[in-house]
């Protein structure tokens, strides 16, 4: 995902549809990082580890689903709010 985001940002300079591609791939890459963060927290923090020792219990699933819903909302907001550049670089 980051490779596509970097290509859209630096090679295509966010021209046309690449602006939307950049926003989507950047949000997905950040989601993956937060997904791993949540998994690591449930593994390393004793209080969370007691709630979901095998990471198949409901508290872990609820945390991951809540994270996904938040990032879907952020992704929609990012795509809608990332307007074309009024002064494109020549």
N, C-alpha and C. Protein backbone atom coordinates (compact mmCIF):
# COMPACT_ATOMS: atom_id res chain seq x y z
N UNK A 1 0.81 -1.19 0.00
CA UNK A 1 0.00 0.00 0.00
C UNK A 1 0.87 1.26 0.00
N UNK A 2 1.91 1.24 0.78
CA UNK A 2 2.75 2.44 0.82
C UNK A 2 3.46 2.67 -0.50
N UNK A 3 3.79 1.58 -1.19
CA UNK A 3 4.42 1.72 -2.50
C UNK A 3 3.52 2.44 -3.48
N UNK A 4 2.25 2.08 -3.48
CA UNK A 4 1.29 2.75 -4.36
C UNK A 4 1.11 4.21 -3.95
N UNK A 5 1.03 4.44 -2.63
CA UNK A 5 0.89 5.82 -2.14
C UNK A 5 2.10 6.66 -2.54
N UNK A 6 3.29 6.12 -2.41
CA UNK A 6 4.49 6.86 -2.79
C UNK A 6 4.53 7.12 -4.29
N UNK A 7 4.12 6.14 -5.09
CA UNK A 7 4.07 6.32 -6.53
C UNK A 7 3.09 7.44 -6.89
N UNK A 8 1.92 7.43 -6.26
CA UNK A 8 0.91 8.46 -6.53
C UNK A 8 1.42 9.83 -6.11
N UNK A 9 2.11 9.88 -5.00
CA UNK A 9 2.56 11.18 -4.46
C UNK A 9 3.74 11.76 -5.23
N UNK A 10 4.77 10.96 -5.45
CA UNK A 10 6.00 11.51 -6.00
C UNK A 10 6.14 11.36 -7.51
N UNK A 11 5.64 10.27 -8.08
CA UNK A 11 5.77 10.09 -9.52
C UNK A 11 4.64 10.78 -10.27
N UNK A 12 3.41 10.57 -9.81
CA UNK A 12 2.26 11.16 -10.49
C UNK A 12 1.85 12.51 -9.91
N UNK A 13 2.48 12.94 -8.84
CA UNK A 13 2.26 14.24 -8.20
C UNK A 13 0.79 14.53 -7.90
N UNK A 14 0.06 13.48 -7.51
CA UNK A 14 -1.34 13.57 -7.12
C UNK A 14 -2.23 14.16 -8.21
N UNK A 15 -1.88 13.92 -9.45
CA UNK A 15 -2.65 14.46 -10.57
C UNK A 15 -3.86 13.57 -10.86
N UNK A 16 -5.00 14.19 -11.06
CA UNK A 16 -6.21 13.46 -11.44
C UNK A 16 -6.65 12.46 -10.38
N UNK A 17 -6.88 11.22 -10.83
CA UNK A 17 -7.33 10.16 -9.94
C UNK A 17 -6.28 9.68 -8.96
N UNK A 18 -5.03 10.08 -9.18
CA UNK A 18 -3.97 9.66 -8.26
C UNK A 18 -4.13 10.31 -6.89
N UNK A 19 -4.80 11.43 -6.84
CA UNK A 19 -5.06 12.09 -5.54
C UNK A 19 -5.94 11.19 -4.67
N UNK A 20 -6.99 10.64 -5.26
CA UNK A 20 -7.88 9.74 -4.55
C UNK A 20 -7.16 8.43 -4.19
N UNK A 21 -6.36 7.93 -5.12
CA UNK A 21 -5.58 6.71 -4.88
C UNK A 21 -4.64 6.90 -3.70
N UNK A 22 -4.00 8.05 -3.65
CA UNK A 22 -3.10 8.35 -2.54
C UNK A 22 -3.83 8.36 -1.21
N UNK A 23 -4.98 9.02 -1.16
CA UNK A 23 -5.75 9.11 0.09
C UNK A 23 -6.18 7.72 0.55
N UNK A 24 -6.67 6.91 -0.36
CA UNK A 24 -7.14 5.56 0.01
C UNK A 24 -5.99 4.69 0.49
N UNK A 25 -4.88 4.66 -0.25
CA UNK A 25 -3.77 3.79 0.13
C UNK A 25 -3.09 4.26 1.42
N UNK A 26 -3.03 5.56 1.64
CA UNK A 26 -2.44 6.06 2.89
C UNK A 26 -3.29 5.66 4.09
N UNK A 27 -4.60 5.74 3.97
CA UNK A 27 -5.49 5.34 5.07
C UNK A 27 -5.40 3.84 5.31
N UNK A 28 -5.33 3.04 4.24
CA UNK A 28 -5.22 1.58 4.41
C UNK A 28 -3.91 1.22 5.08
N UNK A 29 -2.81 1.86 4.69
CA UNK A 29 -1.52 1.58 5.31
C UNK A 29 -1.53 1.93 6.80
N UNK A 30 -2.14 3.05 7.14
CA UNK A 30 -2.24 3.42 8.55
C UNK A 30 -3.13 2.44 9.31
N UNK A 31 -4.21 1.98 8.67
CA UNK A 31 -5.09 0.99 9.31
C UNK A 31 -4.31 -0.28 9.63
N UNK A 32 -3.50 -0.76 8.69
CA UNK A 32 -2.71 -1.96 8.95
C UNK A 32 -1.79 -1.77 10.16
N UNK A 33 -1.18 -0.60 10.26
CA UNK A 33 -0.30 -0.34 11.41
C UNK A 33 -1.07 -0.33 12.72
N UNK A 34 -2.24 0.27 12.73
CA UNK A 34 -3.06 0.30 13.96
C UNK A 34 -3.59 -1.09 14.28
N UNK A 35 -3.94 -1.87 13.26
CA UNK A 35 -4.38 -3.26 13.45
C UNK A 35 -3.30 -4.06 14.19
N UNK A 36 -2.07 -3.93 13.74
CA UNK A 36 -0.96 -4.63 14.39
C UNK A 36 -0.73 -4.08 15.80
N UNK A 37 -0.88 -2.77 15.98
CA UNK A 37 -0.74 -2.17 17.31
C UNK A 37 -1.75 -2.78 18.28
N UNK A 38 -2.99 -2.93 17.86
CA UNK A 38 -4.01 -3.50 18.74
C UNK A 38 -3.66 -4.95 19.08
N UNK A 39 -3.22 -5.71 18.09
CA UNK A 39 -2.82 -7.10 18.35
C UNK A 39 -1.66 -7.16 19.34
N UNK A 40 -0.67 -6.27 19.17
CA UNK A 40 0.47 -6.24 20.09
C UNK A 40 0.04 -5.81 21.50
N UNK A 41 -0.89 -4.88 21.59
CA UNK A 41 -1.37 -4.47 22.90
C UNK A 41 -2.06 -5.63 23.63
N UNK A 42 -2.87 -6.39 22.91
CA UNK A 42 -3.53 -7.53 23.54
C UNK A 42 -2.53 -8.63 23.91
N UNK A 43 -1.39 -8.65 23.25
CA UNK A 43 -0.38 -9.65 23.58
C UNK A 43 0.52 -9.21 24.73
N UNK A 44 0.87 -7.92 24.78
CA UNK A 44 1.89 -7.44 25.71
C UNK A 44 1.35 -6.82 27.00
N UNK A 45 0.18 -6.21 26.97
CA UNK A 45 -0.38 -5.55 28.16
C UNK A 45 -1.12 -6.61 28.98
N UNK A 46 -0.69 -6.83 30.22
CA UNK A 46 -1.29 -7.91 31.02
C UNK A 46 -2.81 -7.82 31.17
N UNK A 47 -3.34 -6.64 31.41
CA UNK A 47 -4.79 -6.51 31.60
C UNK A 47 -5.55 -6.89 30.33
N UNK A 48 -5.04 -6.50 29.19
CA UNK A 48 -5.69 -6.86 27.92
C UNK A 48 -5.47 -8.33 27.58
N UNK A 49 -4.29 -8.84 27.93
CA UNK A 49 -4.00 -10.24 27.66
C UNK A 49 -4.95 -11.17 28.44
N UNK A 50 -5.33 -10.75 29.63
CA UNK A 50 -6.28 -11.54 30.42
C UNK A 50 -7.66 -11.56 29.77
N UNK A 51 -8.03 -10.48 29.10
CA UNK A 51 -9.33 -10.42 28.43
C UNK A 51 -9.38 -11.31 27.20
N UNK A 52 -8.26 -11.43 26.48
CA UNK A 52 -8.24 -12.19 25.24
C UNK A 52 -6.88 -12.88 25.07
N UNK A 53 -6.63 -13.97 25.80
CA UNK A 53 -5.32 -14.61 25.73
C UNK A 53 -5.00 -15.23 24.36
N UNK A 54 -6.00 -15.70 23.63
CA UNK A 54 -5.73 -16.31 22.33
C UNK A 54 -6.08 -15.38 21.17
N UNK A 55 -6.54 -14.18 21.45
CA UNK A 55 -6.96 -13.19 20.47
C UNK A 55 -8.11 -13.69 19.58
N UNK A 56 -8.90 -14.57 20.11
CA UNK A 56 -10.11 -15.03 19.41
C UNK A 56 -11.36 -14.70 20.22
N UNK A 57 -11.18 -14.09 21.37
CA UNK A 57 -12.28 -13.74 22.26
C UNK A 57 -12.96 -12.45 21.80
N UNK A 58 -14.19 -12.23 22.26
CA UNK A 58 -14.95 -11.04 21.84
C UNK A 58 -14.28 -9.69 22.09
N UNK A 59 -13.56 -9.45 23.22
CA UNK A 59 -12.96 -8.12 23.39
C UNK A 59 -11.97 -7.76 22.28
N UNK A 60 -11.19 -8.73 21.84
CA UNK A 60 -10.24 -8.49 20.76
C UNK A 60 -10.98 -8.22 19.45
N UNK A 61 -12.00 -9.01 19.18
CA UNK A 61 -12.76 -8.84 17.94
C UNK A 61 -13.49 -7.50 17.93
N UNK A 62 -14.04 -7.11 19.06
CA UNK A 62 -14.74 -5.82 19.14
C UNK A 62 -13.76 -4.67 18.89
N UNK A 63 -12.55 -4.77 19.46
CA UNK A 63 -11.55 -3.72 19.26
C UNK A 63 -11.16 -3.63 17.79
N UNK A 64 -10.99 -4.76 17.14
CA UNK A 64 -10.59 -4.75 15.73
C UNK A 64 -11.72 -4.24 14.84
N UNK A 65 -12.95 -4.62 15.12
CA UNK A 65 -14.09 -4.15 14.32
C UNK A 65 -14.30 -2.65 14.52
N UNK A 66 -14.15 -2.18 15.76
CA UNK A 66 -14.28 -0.74 16.02
C UNK A 66 -13.19 0.03 15.27
N UNK A 67 -11.99 -0.51 15.27
CA UNK A 67 -10.88 0.12 14.53
C UNK A 67 -11.20 0.17 13.04
N UNK A 68 -11.73 -0.91 12.50
CA UNK A 68 -12.06 -0.95 11.08
C UNK A 68 -13.14 0.07 10.73
N UNK A 69 -14.15 0.16 11.56
CA UNK A 69 -15.23 1.12 11.31
C UNK A 69 -14.71 2.55 11.35
N UNK A 70 -13.85 2.84 12.31
CA UNK A 70 -13.26 4.18 12.41
C UNK A 70 -12.44 4.50 11.17
N UNK A 71 -11.64 3.55 10.71
CA UNK A 71 -10.81 3.81 9.54
C UNK A 71 -11.61 3.86 8.24
N UNK A 72 -12.70 3.14 8.15
CA UNK A 72 -13.57 3.28 6.98
C UNK A 72 -14.14 4.70 6.94
N UNK A 73 -14.58 5.18 8.10
CA UNK A 73 -15.08 6.55 8.18
C UNK A 73 -14.01 7.56 7.83
N UNK A 74 -12.80 7.38 8.36
CA UNK A 74 -11.70 8.29 8.05
C UNK A 74 -11.34 8.23 6.57
N UNK A 75 -11.41 7.04 5.98
CA UNK A 75 -11.11 6.90 4.56
C UNK A 75 -12.12 7.63 3.70
N UNK A 76 -13.39 7.49 4.02
CA UNK A 76 -14.43 8.20 3.27
C UNK A 76 -14.23 9.71 3.42
N UNK A 77 -13.96 10.15 4.63
CA UNK A 77 -13.73 11.57 4.87
C UNK A 77 -12.51 12.07 4.10
N UNK A 78 -11.44 11.27 4.07
CA UNK A 78 -10.22 11.67 3.37
C UNK A 78 -10.44 11.77 1.87
N UNK A 79 -11.16 10.81 1.31
CA UNK A 79 -11.40 10.84 -0.14
C UNK A 79 -12.30 12.02 -0.52
N UNK A 80 -13.32 12.26 0.24
CA UNK A 80 -14.23 13.37 -0.06
C UNK A 80 -13.58 14.73 0.18
N UNK A 81 -12.73 14.81 1.18
CA UNK A 81 -12.13 16.10 1.54
C UNK A 81 -10.85 16.44 0.80
N UNK A 82 -10.29 15.49 0.07
CA UNK A 82 -9.03 15.71 -0.63
C UNK A 82 -9.34 16.25 -2.02
N UNK A 83 -9.51 17.54 -2.11
CA UNK A 83 -9.93 18.21 -3.35
C UNK A 83 -8.75 18.38 -4.32
N UNK A 84 -9.07 18.52 -5.59
CA UNK A 84 -8.00 18.78 -6.57
C UNK A 84 -7.26 20.08 -6.27
N UNK A 85 -6.00 20.10 -6.62
CA UNK A 85 -5.17 21.27 -6.41
C UNK A 85 -5.61 22.41 -7.34
N UNK A 86 -5.97 23.58 -6.81
CA UNK A 86 -6.42 24.67 -7.67
C UNK A 86 -5.29 25.25 -8.53
N UNK A 87 -4.05 25.06 -8.11
CA UNK A 87 -2.89 25.56 -8.85
C UNK A 87 -1.95 24.41 -9.11
N UNK A 88 -2.23 23.58 -10.12
CA UNK A 88 -1.38 22.40 -10.38
C UNK A 88 0.02 22.81 -10.80
N UNK A 89 1.00 21.98 -10.39
CA UNK A 89 2.38 22.23 -10.77
C UNK A 89 2.58 21.94 -12.25
N UNK A 90 3.38 22.74 -12.89
CA UNK A 90 3.59 22.57 -14.33
C UNK A 90 4.80 21.71 -14.57
